[in-house]
C-alpha atoms as a PDB file:
ATOM      1  CA  UNK A   1     -11.813  36.714 -25.086  1.00  0.00           C
ATOM      2  CA  UNK A   2      -8.057  36.316 -25.094  1.00  0.00           C
ATOM      3  CA  UNK A   3      -7.886  37.897 -21.677  1.00  0.00           C
ATOM      4  CA  UNK A   4     -10.739  35.719 -20.449  1.00  0.00           C
ATOM      5  CA  UNK A   5      -8.964  32.607 -21.726  1.00  0.00           C
ATOM      6  CA  UNK A   6      -5.778  33.556 -19.890  1.00  0.00           C
ATOM      7  CA  UNK A   7      -7.763  34.292 -16.737  1.00  0.00           C
ATOM      8  CA  UNK A   8      -9.459  30.917 -16.849  1.00  0.00           C
ATOM      9  CA  UNK A   9      -6.195  29.129 -17.686  1.00  0.00           C
ATOM     10  CA  UNK A  10      -4.500  30.607 -14.654  1.00  0.00           C
ATOM     11  CA  UNK A  11      -7.476  29.987 -12.430  1.00  0.00           C
ATOM     12  CA  UNK A  12      -7.699  26.347 -13.492  1.00  0.00           C
ATOM     13  CA  UNK A  13      -4.070  25.579 -12.709  1.00  0.00           C
ATOM     14  CA  UNK A  14      -3.532  22.828 -10.059  1.00  0.00           C
ATOM     15  CA  UNK A  15      -2.024  25.297  -7.576  1.00  0.00           C
ATOM     16  CA  UNK A  16      -4.971  27.672  -7.756  1.00  0.00           C
ATOM     17  CA  UNK A  17      -8.264  26.144  -8.864  1.00  0.00           C
ATOM     18  CA  UNK A  18     -10.613  28.909  -9.955  1.00  0.00           C
ATOM     19  CA  UNK A  19     -14.246  29.491  -9.294  1.00  0.00           C
ATOM     20  CA  UNK A  20     -16.658  27.666 -11.549  1.00  0.00           C
ATOM     21  CA  UNK A  21     -19.336  30.118 -10.424  1.00  0.00           C
ATOM     22  CA  UNK A  22     -17.364  33.004 -11.900  1.00  0.00           C
ATOM     23  CA  UNK A  23     -17.134  31.231 -15.246  1.00  0.00           C
ATOM     24  CA  UNK A  24     -20.873  30.431 -15.162  1.00  0.00           C
ATOM     25  CA  UNK A  25     -21.699  34.063 -14.418  1.00  0.00           C
ATOM     26  CA  UNK A  26     -19.631  35.156 -17.407  1.00  0.00           C
ATOM     27  CA  UNK A  27     -21.456  32.685 -19.636  1.00  0.00           C
ATOM     28  CA  UNK A  28     -24.904  33.892 -18.491  1.00  0.00           C
ATOM     29  CA  UNK A  29     -24.357  37.631 -18.327  1.00  0.00           C
ATOM     30  CA  UNK A  30     -22.359  38.292 -21.517  1.00  0.00           C
ATOM     31  CA  UNK A  31     -23.915  38.065 -24.993  1.00  0.00           C
ATOM     32  CA  UNK A  32     -21.513  37.654 -27.906  1.00  0.00           C
ATOM     33  CA  UNK A  33     -21.858  37.738 -31.649  1.00  0.00           C
ATOM     34  CA  UNK A  34     -21.829  34.464 -33.631  1.00  0.00           C
ATOM     35  CA  UNK A  35     -18.068  34.649 -34.078  1.00  0.00           C
ATOM     36  CA  UNK A  36     -17.536  35.509 -30.439  1.00  0.00           C
ATOM     37  CA  UNK A  37     -19.752  32.617 -29.366  1.00  0.00           C
ATOM     38  CA  UNK A  38     -17.690  30.210 -31.456  1.00  0.00           C
ATOM     39  CA  UNK A  39     -14.584  31.450 -29.712  1.00  0.00           C
ATOM     40  CA  UNK A  40     -16.340  31.113 -26.371  1.00  0.00           C
ATOM     41  CA  UNK A  41     -17.268  27.517 -27.277  1.00  0.00           C
ATOM     42  CA  UNK A  42     -13.582  26.794 -27.798  1.00  0.00           C
ATOM     43  CA  UNK A  43     -12.790  28.377 -24.446  1.00  0.00           C
ATOM     44  CA  UNK A  44     -15.609  26.383 -22.827  1.00  0.00           C
ATOM     45  CA  UNK A  45     -14.213  23.146 -24.215  1.00  0.00           C
ATOM     46  CA  UNK A  46     -10.760  24.153 -23.027  1.00  0.00           C
ATOM     47  CA  UNK A  47     -12.069  24.965 -19.558  1.00  0.00           C
ATOM     48  CA  UNK A  48     -14.112  21.756 -19.449  1.00  0.00           C
ATOM     49  CA  UNK A  49     -11.014  19.622 -19.922  1.00  0.00           C
ATOM     50  CA  UNK A  50      -8.458  21.937 -18.380  1.00  0.00           C
ATOM     51  CA  UNK A  51     -10.472  22.879 -15.301  1.00  0.00           C
ATOM     52  CA  UNK A  52     -12.101  19.564 -14.570  1.00  0.00           C
ATOM     53  CA  UNK A  53      -9.068  17.644 -15.758  1.00  0.00           C
ATOM     54  CA  UNK A  54      -6.857  19.516 -13.339  1.00  0.00           C
ATOM     55  CA  UNK A  55      -9.355  19.021 -10.562  1.00  0.00           C
ATOM     56  CA  UNK A  56      -9.831  15.355 -11.321  1.00  0.00           C
ATOM     57  CA  UNK A  57      -6.416  14.025 -12.246  1.00  0.00           C
ATOM     58  CA  UNK A  58      -3.749  16.685 -11.981  1.00  0.00           C
ATOM     59  CA  UNK A  59      -5.095  17.595  -8.581  1.00  0.00           C
ATOM     60  CA  UNK A  60      -3.895  14.204  -7.394  1.00  0.00           C
ATOM     61  CA  UNK A  61      -0.562  14.628  -9.189  1.00  0.00           C
ATOM     62  CA  UNK A  62       0.269  18.099  -7.913  1.00  0.00           C
ATOM     63  CA  UNK A  63       3.682  19.253  -9.039  1.00  0.00           C
ATOM     64  CA  UNK A  64       6.192  18.682  -6.305  1.00  0.00           C
ATOM     65  CA  UNK A  65       9.836  17.804  -5.858  1.00  0.00           C
ATOM     66  CA  UNK A  66       9.138  14.420  -4.264  1.00  0.00           C
ATOM     67  CA  UNK A  67       7.265  11.488  -5.858  1.00  0.00           C
ATOM     68  CA  UNK A  68       3.897  10.733  -4.290  1.00  0.00           C
ATOM     69  CA  UNK A  69       1.587   7.749  -3.994  1.00  0.00           C
ATOM     70  CA  UNK A  70      -2.190   7.682  -3.767  1.00  0.00           C
ATOM     71  CA  UNK A  71      -3.444   5.255  -1.153  1.00  0.00           C
ATOM     72  CA  UNK A  72      -7.076   4.501  -0.550  1.00  0.00           C
ATOM     73  CA  UNK A  73      -9.318   2.636   1.852  1.00  0.00           C
ATOM     74  CA  UNK A  74     -10.341   3.707   5.318  1.00  0.00           C
ATOM     75  CA  UNK A  75      -7.860   1.786   7.467  1.00  0.00           C
ATOM     76  CA  UNK A  76      -4.774   2.607   5.373  1.00  0.00           C
ATOM     77  CA  UNK A  77      -5.691   6.293   5.192  1.00  0.00           C
ATOM     78  CA  UNK A  78      -6.413   6.553   8.930  1.00  0.00           C
ATOM     79  CA  UNK A  79      -3.094   4.847   9.728  1.00  0.00           C
ATOM     80  CA  UNK A  80      -1.260   7.223   7.399  1.00  0.00           C
ATOM     81  CA  UNK A  81      -2.942  10.199   9.084  1.00  0.00           C
ATOM     82  CA  UNK A  82      -1.962   8.971  12.532  1.00  0.00           C
ATOM     83  CA  UNK A  83       1.629   8.656  11.323  1.00  0.00           C
ATOM     84  CA  UNK A  84       1.581  12.192   9.843  1.00  0.00           C
ATOM     85  CA  UNK A  85       2.314  10.860   6.355  1.00  0.00           C
ATOM     86  CA  UNK A  86      -0.634  12.444   4.532  1.00  0.00           C
ATOM     87  CA  UNK A  87      -0.025  15.527   2.412  1.00  0.00           C
ATOM     88  CA  UNK A  88      -3.522  15.850   0.932  1.00  0.00           C
ATOM     89  CA  UNK A  89      -6.812  14.140   1.748  1.00  0.00           C
ATOM     90  CA  UNK A  90      -9.626  13.621  -0.792  1.00  0.00           C
ATOM     91  CA  UNK A  91     -13.060  12.583   0.421  1.00  0.00           C
ATOM     92  CA  UNK A  92     -16.182  11.553  -1.508  1.00  0.00           C
ATOM     93  CA  UNK A  93     -19.357  13.515  -0.978  1.00  0.00           C
ATOM     94  CA  UNK A  94     -21.988  11.592   0.943  1.00  0.00           C
ATOM     95  CA  UNK A  95     -19.888   9.312   3.147  1.00  0.00           C
ATOM     96  CA  UNK A  96     -21.527   8.455   6.445  1.00  0.00           C
ATOM     97  CA  UNK A  97     -21.343  10.939   9.309  1.00  0.00           C
ATOM     98  CA  UNK A  98     -19.674   8.536  11.768  1.00  0.00           C
ATOM     99  CA  UNK A  99     -16.667   7.975   9.527  1.00  0.00           C
ATOM    100  CA  UNK A 100     -16.560  11.662   8.607  1.00  0.00           C
ATOM    101  CA  UNK A 101     -16.117  12.575  12.278  1.00  0.00           C
ATOM    102  CA  UNK A 102     -13.361   9.997  12.729  1.00  0.00           C
ATOM    103  CA  UNK A 103     -11.633  11.233   9.592  1.00  0.00           C
ATOM    104  CA  UNK A 104     -11.950  14.890  10.592  1.00  0.00           C
ATOM    105  CA  UNK A 105     -10.463  14.184  14.020  1.00  0.00           C
ATOM    106  CA  UNK A 106      -7.485  12.316  12.562  1.00  0.00           C
ATOM    107  CA  UNK A 107      -6.977  14.970   9.877  1.00  0.00           C
ATOM    108  CA  UNK A 108      -7.096  17.765  12.461  1.00  0.00           C
ATOM    109  CA  UNK A 109      -4.407  16.061  14.536  1.00  0.00           C
ATOM    110  CA  UNK A 110      -2.290  15.658  11.397  1.00  0.00           C
ATOM    111  CA  UNK A 111      -2.880  19.218  10.206  1.00  0.00           C
ATOM    112  CA  UNK A 112      -4.523  18.173   6.926  1.00  0.00           C
ATOM    113  CA  UNK A 113      -7.700  19.602   5.422  1.00  0.00           C
ATOM    114  CA  UNK A 114     -10.430  17.456   3.895  1.00  0.00           C
ATOM    115  CA  UNK A 115     -11.017  18.129   0.179  1.00  0.00           C
ATOM    116  CA  UNK A 116     -14.469  17.044  -0.975  1.00  0.00           C
ATOM    117  CA  UNK A 117     -15.269  15.626  -4.428  1.00  0.00           C
ATOM    118  CA  UNK A 118     -17.917  13.632  -6.234  1.00  0.00           C
ATOM    119  CA  UNK A 119     -17.321   9.918  -5.772  1.00  0.00           C
ATOM    120  CA  UNK A 120     -16.817   9.433  -9.500  1.00  0.00           C
ATOM    121  CA  UNK A 121     -13.800  11.754  -9.406  1.00  0.00           C
ATOM    122  CA  UNK A 122     -12.163   9.473  -6.834  1.00  0.00           C
ATOM    123  CA  UNK A 123     -13.074   6.446  -8.966  1.00  0.00           C
ATOM    124  CA  UNK A 124     -11.251   7.993 -11.913  1.00  0.00           C
ATOM    125  CA  UNK A 125      -8.234   9.083  -9.904  1.00  0.00           C
ATOM    126  CA  UNK A 126      -7.374   5.583  -8.642  1.00  0.00           C
ATOM    127  CA  UNK A 127      -9.157   3.633 -11.416  1.00  0.00           C
ATOM    128  CA  UNK A 128     -11.224   1.607  -8.957  1.00  0.00           C
ATOM    129  CA  UNK A 129     -14.414   1.950  -6.946  1.00  0.00           C
ATOM    130  CA  UNK A 130     -12.795   0.186  -3.988  1.00  0.00           C
ATOM    131  CA  UNK A 131     -11.505   3.361  -2.321  1.00  0.00           C
ATOM    132  CA  UNK A 132     -14.314   3.424   0.316  1.00  0.00           C
ATOM    133  CA  UNK A 133     -14.781   7.142  -0.229  1.00  0.00           C
ATOM    134  CA  UNK A 134     -11.335   8.345   0.801  1.00  0.00           C
ATOM    135  CA  UNK A 135      -7.959   8.811  -0.904  1.00  0.00           C
ATOM    136  CA  UNK A 136      -4.751  10.175   0.596  1.00  0.00           C
ATOM    137  CA  UNK A 137      -1.673  11.543  -1.107  1.00  0.00           C
ATOM    138  CA  UNK A 138       1.478  10.435   0.702  1.00  0.00           C
ATOM    139  CA  UNK A 139       5.184  10.476  -0.148  1.00  0.00           C
ATOM    140  CA  UNK A 140       6.024   7.517  -2.359  1.00  0.00           C
ATOM    141  CA  UNK A 141       6.437   4.443  -0.165  1.00  0.00           C
ATOM    142  CA  UNK A 142      10.068   3.383  -0.047  1.00  0.00           C
ATOM    143  CA  UNK A 143      11.427  -0.015   0.826  1.00  0.00           C
ATOM    144  CA  UNK A 144      13.175  -0.292   4.171  1.00  0.00           C
ATOM    145  CA  UNK A 145      16.678  -1.589   4.796  1.00  0.00           C
ATOM    146  CA  UNK A 146      17.363  -4.952   6.404  1.00  0.00           C
ATOM    147  CA  UNK A 147      18.984  -3.088   9.278  1.00  0.00           C
ATOM    148  CA  UNK A 148      15.569  -1.594  10.081  1.00  0.00           C
ATOM    149  CA  UNK A 149      14.223  -5.093  10.776  1.00  0.00           C
ATOM    150  CA  UNK A 150      17.279  -5.928  12.889  1.00  0.00           C
ATOM    151  CA  UNK A 151      16.789  -2.744  14.898  1.00  0.00           C
ATOM    152  CA  UNK A 152      13.097  -3.527  15.435  1.00  0.00           C
ATOM    153  CA  UNK A 153      13.971  -6.959  16.833  1.00  0.00           C
ATOM    154  CA  UNK A 154      16.649  -5.450  19.082  1.00  0.00           C
ATOM    155  CA  UNK A 155      14.262  -2.781  20.377  1.00  0.00           C
ATOM    156  CA  UNK A 156      11.826  -5.507  21.440  1.00  0.00           C
ATOM    157  CA  UNK A 157      14.640  -7.634  22.853  1.00  0.00           C
ATOM    158  CA  UNK A 158      13.512 -10.548  20.693  1.00  0.00           C
ATOM    159  CA  UNK A 159      15.219 -13.042  18.417  1.00  0.00           C
ATOM    160  CA  UNK A 160      15.003 -11.888  14.821  1.00  0.00           C
ATOM    161  CA  UNK A 161      12.009 -13.153  12.858  1.00  0.00           C
ATOM    162  CA  UNK A 162      11.812 -12.380   9.138  1.00  0.00           C
ATOM    163  CA  UNK A 163       9.245 -13.471   6.569  1.00  0.00           C
ATOM    164  CA  UNK A 164      10.848 -14.059   3.147  1.00  0.00           C
ATOM    165  CA  UNK A 165       8.580 -14.171   0.088  1.00  0.00           C
ATOM    166  CA  UNK A 166       9.672 -16.243  -2.884  1.00  0.00           C
ATOM    167  CA  UNK A 167       7.578 -15.419  -5.943  1.00  0.00           C
ATOM    168  CA  UNK A 168       4.518 -13.796  -4.362  1.00  0.00           C
ATOM    169  CA  UNK A 169       3.279 -11.791  -7.345  1.00  0.00           C
ATOM    170  CA  UNK A 170      -0.336 -11.204  -6.344  1.00  0.00           C
ATOM    171  CA  UNK A 171      -0.625  -7.784  -4.625  1.00  0.00           C
ATOM    172  CA  UNK A 172      -3.509  -8.904  -2.415  1.00  0.00           C
ATOM    173  CA  UNK A 173      -1.505 -11.858  -1.092  1.00  0.00           C
ATOM    174  CA  UNK A 174       1.502  -9.588  -0.629  1.00  0.00           C
ATOM    175  CA  UNK A 175      -0.510  -7.013   1.325  1.00  0.00           C
ATOM    176  CA  UNK A 176      -2.270  -9.663   3.423  1.00  0.00           C
ATOM    177  CA  UNK A 177       1.063 -11.246   4.406  1.00  0.00           C
ATOM    178  CA  UNK A 178       2.455  -7.848   5.436  1.00  0.00           C
ATOM    179  CA  UNK A 179      -0.664  -7.283   7.540  1.00  0.00           C
ATOM    180  CA  UNK A 180      -0.363 -10.672   9.263  1.00  0.00           C
ATOM    181  CA  UNK A 181       3.378 -10.288   9.791  1.00  0.00           C
ATOM    182  CA  UNK A 182       2.966  -6.905  11.484  1.00  0.00           C
ATOM    183  CA  UNK A 183      -0.058  -7.907  13.569  1.00  0.00           C
ATOM    184  CA  UNK A 184       1.483 -11.186  14.755  1.00  0.00           C
ATOM    185  CA  UNK A 185       4.900  -9.816  15.677  1.00  0.00           C
ATOM    186  CA  UNK A 186       7.377 -10.455  12.853  1.00  0.00           C
ATOM    187  CA  UNK A 187      10.181  -7.928  12.413  1.00  0.00           C
ATOM    188  CA  UNK A 188      10.161  -7.567   8.641  1.00  0.00           C
ATOM    189  CA  UNK A 189       9.028  -8.880   5.277  1.00  0.00           C
ATOM    190  CA  UNK A 190      11.598  -9.416   2.524  1.00  0.00           C
ATOM    191  CA  UNK A 191      10.912  -9.749  -1.201  1.00  0.00           C
ATOM    192  CA  UNK A 192      13.073 -10.227  -4.266  1.00  0.00           C
ATOM    193  CA  UNK A 193      13.253  -7.454  -6.820  1.00  0.00           C
ATOM    194  CA  UNK A 194      12.314  -9.471  -9.912  1.00  0.00           C
ATOM    195  CA  UNK A 195       9.878 -12.022  -8.528  1.00  0.00           C
ATOM    196  CA  UNK A 196       7.407 -10.076  -6.471  1.00  0.00           C
ATOM    197  CA  UNK A 197       4.436  -7.761  -6.709  1.00  0.00           C
ATOM    198  CA  UNK A 198       5.495  -4.100  -6.431  1.00  0.00           C
ATOM    199  CA  UNK A 199       4.786  -2.104  -3.298  1.00  0.00           C
ATOM    200  CA  UNK A 200       1.700  -0.517  -4.846  1.00  0.00           C
ATOM    201  CA  UNK A 201      -1.411   1.256  -3.510  1.00  0.00           C
ATOM    202  CA  UNK A 202      -3.263  -2.084  -3.747  1.00  0.00           C
ATOM    203  CA  UNK A 203      -0.658  -3.684  -1.477  1.00  0.00           C
ATOM    204  CA  UNK A 204      -0.803  -0.757   0.965  1.00  0.00           C
ATOM    205  CA  UNK A 205      -4.621  -0.923   1.079  1.00  0.00           C
ATOM    206  CA  UNK A 206      -4.670  -4.699   1.590  1.00  0.00           C
ATOM    207  CA  UNK A 207      -2.068  -4.378   4.334  1.00  0.00           C
ATOM    208  CA  UNK A 208      -4.499  -2.041   6.151  1.00  0.00           C
ATOM    209  CA  UNK A 209      -1.802   0.354   7.325  1.00  0.00           C
ATOM    210  CA  UNK A 210       0.776  -2.274   8.311  1.00  0.00           C
ATOM    211  CA  UNK A 211       3.319  -0.925   5.796  1.00  0.00           C
ATOM    212  CA  UNK A 212       3.663   2.154   8.014  1.00  0.00           C
ATOM    213  CA  UNK A 213       4.867   0.033  10.957  1.00  0.00           C
ATOM    214  CA  UNK A 214       6.724  -2.970   9.543  1.00  0.00           C
ATOM    215  CA  UNK A 215       9.941  -2.855   7.489  1.00  0.00           C
ATOM    216  CA  UNK A 216       9.346  -4.187   3.972  1.00  0.00           C
ATOM    217  CA  UNK A 217      12.713  -4.925   2.398  1.00  0.00           C
ATOM    218  CA  UNK A 218      13.589  -5.587  -1.230  1.00  0.00           C
ATOM    219  CA  UNK A 219      16.736  -7.495  -2.209  1.00  0.00           C
ATOM    220  CA  UNK A 220      18.196  -8.354  -5.587  1.00  0.00           C
ATOM    221  CA  UNK A 221      18.854 -12.027  -4.868  1.00  0.00           C
ATOM    222  CA  UNK A 222      16.895 -14.006  -2.283  1.00  0.00           C
ATOM    223  CA  UNK A 223      19.113 -17.132  -2.256  1.00  0.00           C
ATOM    224  CA  UNK A 224      22.154 -14.941  -1.623  1.00  0.00           C
ATOM    225  CA  UNK A 225      20.358 -13.229   1.267  1.00  0.00           C
ATOM    226  CA  UNK A 226      19.534 -16.643   2.734  1.00  0.00           C
ATOM    227  CA  UNK A 227      23.246 -17.525   2.643  1.00  0.00           C
ATOM    228  CA  UNK A 228      24.123 -14.277   4.413  1.00  0.00           C
ATOM    229  CA  UNK A 229      21.459 -14.798   7.067  1.00  0.00           C
ATOM    230  CA  UNK A 230      22.682 -18.325   7.752  1.00  0.00           C
ATOM    231  CA  UNK A 231      26.246 -17.059   8.109  1.00  0.00           C
ATOM    232  CA  UNK A 232      24.933 -14.667  10.788  1.00  0.00           C
ATOM    233  CA  UNK A 233      23.297 -17.488  12.733  1.00  0.00           C
ATOM    234  CA  UNK A 234      19.737 -17.164  11.404  1.00  0.00           C
ATOM    235  CA  UNK A 235      17.866 -20.436  10.833  1.00  0.00           C
ATOM    236  CA  UNK A 236      15.797 -20.667   7.671  1.00  0.00           C
ATOM    237  CA  UNK A 237      12.553 -22.642   7.540  1.00  0.00           C
ATOM    238  CA  UNK A 238      10.706 -23.085   4.261  1.00  0.00           C
ATOM    239  CA  UNK A 239       6.986 -23.768   3.856  1.00  0.00           C
ATOM    240  CA  UNK A 240       6.409 -26.795   1.609  1.00  0.00           C
ATOM    241  CA  UNK A 241       3.282 -28.901   1.306  1.00  0.00           C
ATOM    242  CA  UNK A 242       5.236 -32.141   0.896  1.00  0.00           C
ATOM    243  CA  UNK A 243       7.482 -31.551   3.918  1.00  0.00           C
ATOM    244  CA  UNK A 244       7.438 -34.268   6.578  1.00  0.00           C
ATOM    245  CA  UNK A 245       8.259 -31.989   9.518  1.00  0.00           C
ATOM    246  CA  UNK A 246       5.186 -30.774  11.374  1.00  0.00           C
ATOM    247  CA  UNK A 247       4.743 -27.316  12.892  1.00  0.00           C
ATOM    248  CA  UNK A 248       5.051 -28.468  16.490  1.00  0.00           C
ATOM    249  CA  UNK A 249       8.268 -30.388  15.840  1.00  0.00           C
ATOM    250  CA  UNK A 250      10.489 -27.399  15.098  1.00  0.00           C
ATOM    251  CA  UNK A 251      12.360 -25.054  17.428  1.00  0.00           C
ATOM    252  CA  UNK A 252      11.339 -21.406  17.083  1.00  0.00           C
ATOM    253  CA  UNK A 253      13.421 -20.047  19.981  1.00  0.00           C
ATOM    254  CA  UNK A 254      16.220 -18.835  17.738  1.00  0.00           C
ATOM    255  CA  UNK A 255      16.822 -16.132  15.103  1.00  0.00           C
ATOM    256  CA  UNK A 256      14.585 -17.278  12.285  1.00  0.00           C
ATOM    257  CA  UNK A 257      13.572 -16.578   8.686  1.00  0.00           C
ATOM    258  CA  UNK A 258      10.410 -18.184   7.317  1.00  0.00           C
ATOM    259  CA  UNK A 259      10.193 -18.577   3.529  1.00  0.00           C
ATOM    260  CA  UNK A 260       6.797 -18.570   1.802  1.00  0.00           C
ATOM    261  CA  UNK A 261       6.627 -19.668  -1.842  1.00  0.00           C
ATOM    262  CA  UNK A 262       4.153 -18.856  -4.582  1.00  0.00           C
ATOM    263  CA  UNK A 263       0.783 -20.597  -4.675  1.00  0.00           C
ATOM    264  CA  UNK A 264       1.359 -22.223  -8.036  1.00  0.00           C
ATOM    265  CA  UNK A 265       4.981 -23.352  -7.862  1.00  0.00           C
ATOM    266  CA  UNK A 266       5.919 -23.176  -4.188  1.00  0.00           C
ATOM    267  CA  UNK A 267       9.564 -22.604  -3.340  1.00  0.00           C
ATOM    268  CA  UNK A 268      12.148 -22.494  -6.114  1.00  0.00           C
ATOM    269  CA  UNK A 269      14.576 -25.390  -6.114  1.00  0.00           C
ATOM    270  CA  UNK A 270      17.586 -23.260  -5.101  1.00  0.00           C
ATOM    271  CA  UNK A 271      15.655 -21.592  -2.283  1.00  0.00           C
ATOM    272  CA  UNK A 272      14.326 -24.951  -1.095  1.00  0.00           C
ATOM    273  CA  UNK A 273      17.833 -26.440  -0.998  1.00  0.00           C
ATOM    274  CA  UNK A 274      19.149 -23.585   1.102  1.00  0.00           C
ATOM    275  CA  UNK A 275      16.504 -23.965   3.826  1.00  0.00           C
ATOM    276  CA  UNK A 276      17.592 -25.619   7.077  1.00  0.00           C
ATOM    277  CA  UNK A 277      14.174 -27.204   7.513  1.00  0.00           C
ATOM    278  CA  UNK A 278      11.014 -27.600   5.454  1.00  0.00           C
ATOM    279  CA  UNK A 279       7.696 -27.510   7.260  1.00  0.00           C
ATOM    280  CA  UNK A 280       4.100 -28.226   6.278  1.00  0.00           C
ATOM    281  CA  UNK A 281       0.707 -27.374   7.726  1.00  0.00           C
ATOM    282  CA  UNK A 282      -1.367 -30.510   8.454  1.00  0.00           C
ATOM    283  CA  UNK A 283      -4.636 -30.405   6.502  1.00  0.00           C
ATOM    284  CA  UNK A 284      -7.593 -32.615   7.428  1.00  0.00           C
ATOM    285  CA  UNK A 285     -10.209 -31.625   4.876  1.00  0.00           C
ATOM    286  CA  UNK A 286     -10.630 -32.604   1.271  1.00  0.00           C
ATOM    287  CA  UNK A 287      -8.999 -29.401   0.031  1.00  0.00           C
ATOM    288  CA  UNK A 288      -5.263 -30.068   0.065  1.00  0.00           C
ATOM    289  CA  UNK A 289      -3.866 -26.562  -0.261  1.00  0.00           C
ATOM    290  CA  UNK A 290      -4.164 -23.112   1.290  1.00  0.00           C
ATOM    291  CA  UNK A 291      -3.959 -19.612  -0.074  1.00  0.00           C
ATOM    292  CA  UNK A 292      -0.392 -18.305   0.329  1.00  0.00           C
ATOM    293  CA  UNK A 293      -1.411 -15.485   2.663  1.00  0.00           C
ATOM    294  CA  UNK A 294      -3.514 -17.839   4.825  1.00  0.00           C
ATOM    295  CA  UNK A 295      -0.670 -20.343   5.089  1.00  0.00           C
ATOM    296  CA  UNK A 296       1.727 -17.509   5.950  1.00  0.00           C
ATOM    297  CA  UNK A 297      -0.561 -16.264   8.721  1.00  0.00           C
ATOM    298  CA  UNK A 298      -0.782 -19.744  10.286  1.00  0.00           C
ATOM    299  CA  UNK A 299       2.984 -20.217  10.164  1.00  0.00           C
ATOM    300  CA  UNK A 300       3.749 -16.727  11.486  1.00  0.00           C
ATOM    301  CA  UNK A 301       1.352 -17.250  14.389  1.00  0.00           C
ATOM    302  CA  UNK A 302       2.945 -20.609  15.140  1.00  0.00           C
ATOM    303  CA  UNK A 303       6.400 -19.037  15.318  1.00  0.00           C
ATOM    304  CA  UNK A 304       5.491 -16.099  17.536  1.00  0.00           C
ATOM    305  CA  UNK A 305       3.144 -18.033  19.837  1.00  0.00           C
ATOM    306  CA  UNK A 306       5.720 -20.837  20.320  1.00  0.00           C
ATOM    307  CA  UNK A 307       8.572 -18.574  21.350  1.00  0.00           C
ATOM    308  CA  UNK A 308       9.407 -18.782  24.999  1.00  0.00           C
ATOM    309  CA  UNK A 309       8.182 -22.343  25.219  1.00  0.00           C
ATOM    310  CA  UNK A 310      10.732 -25.095  25.797  1.00  0.00           C
ATOM    311  CA  UNK A 311      11.025 -27.785  23.151  1.00  0.00           C
END
């Protein structure tokens, strides 16, 4: 029994998951005395939690020298595969054949094997049922440097366009703004260290893969960054519902940073005072406010679509 326990312990380790069939065969074929059966019960309980635990949780936290992040959702995972970021790929049994083929093709190109599990195991691993049947293990997502955004603008031969977030703490808003910023042509999103949602798997999923293509920068002090940008010739426009300037009245053919405030409080006083211009979105309905990510998308589109046009 001691030898069997050691065998099963080794076989259930994360780097070499054993065969459950072998354990089942041992249970069926070997008859023990009452004392031996009690010991086997202890081993069974150990294997139940050690084996399945390692397969369920520790499998997704495989020992490695670099920190990892679990991302989930079909678009984020496919984008990560196309960018060769995925180290392991976990798929729920029973997903539809069409997506399976798309996933297999992307995984083959990236050199990653599909690992199949019951859907409930994926639910437990990421503590949500919103994974759409697929989870990927990638290196922990790091924030970019501001220079990365500057280089992206230079490579496109465009005036710099940054989106600064002041107090966006909801991860879904954060991810949606990153998605809009990347899709509509901004060069980077900047957040403050203490007043922002973290760059979490929820943000990555909501951004639908945009975090792989757009620099997301974190700074310690947003007002100080605004001062530095202005010293370098960047104009700073802040979104404010009470602003009198309309979208079409401003000049966007210049290096520009657009500041989006939180839904509840808007821009902080110090940030507001440092903006060169404040701008509002004209609303015609009875609802007098917009979700922060929706407002950001409208403003970002206005900036990028207006560039090249003479004022």
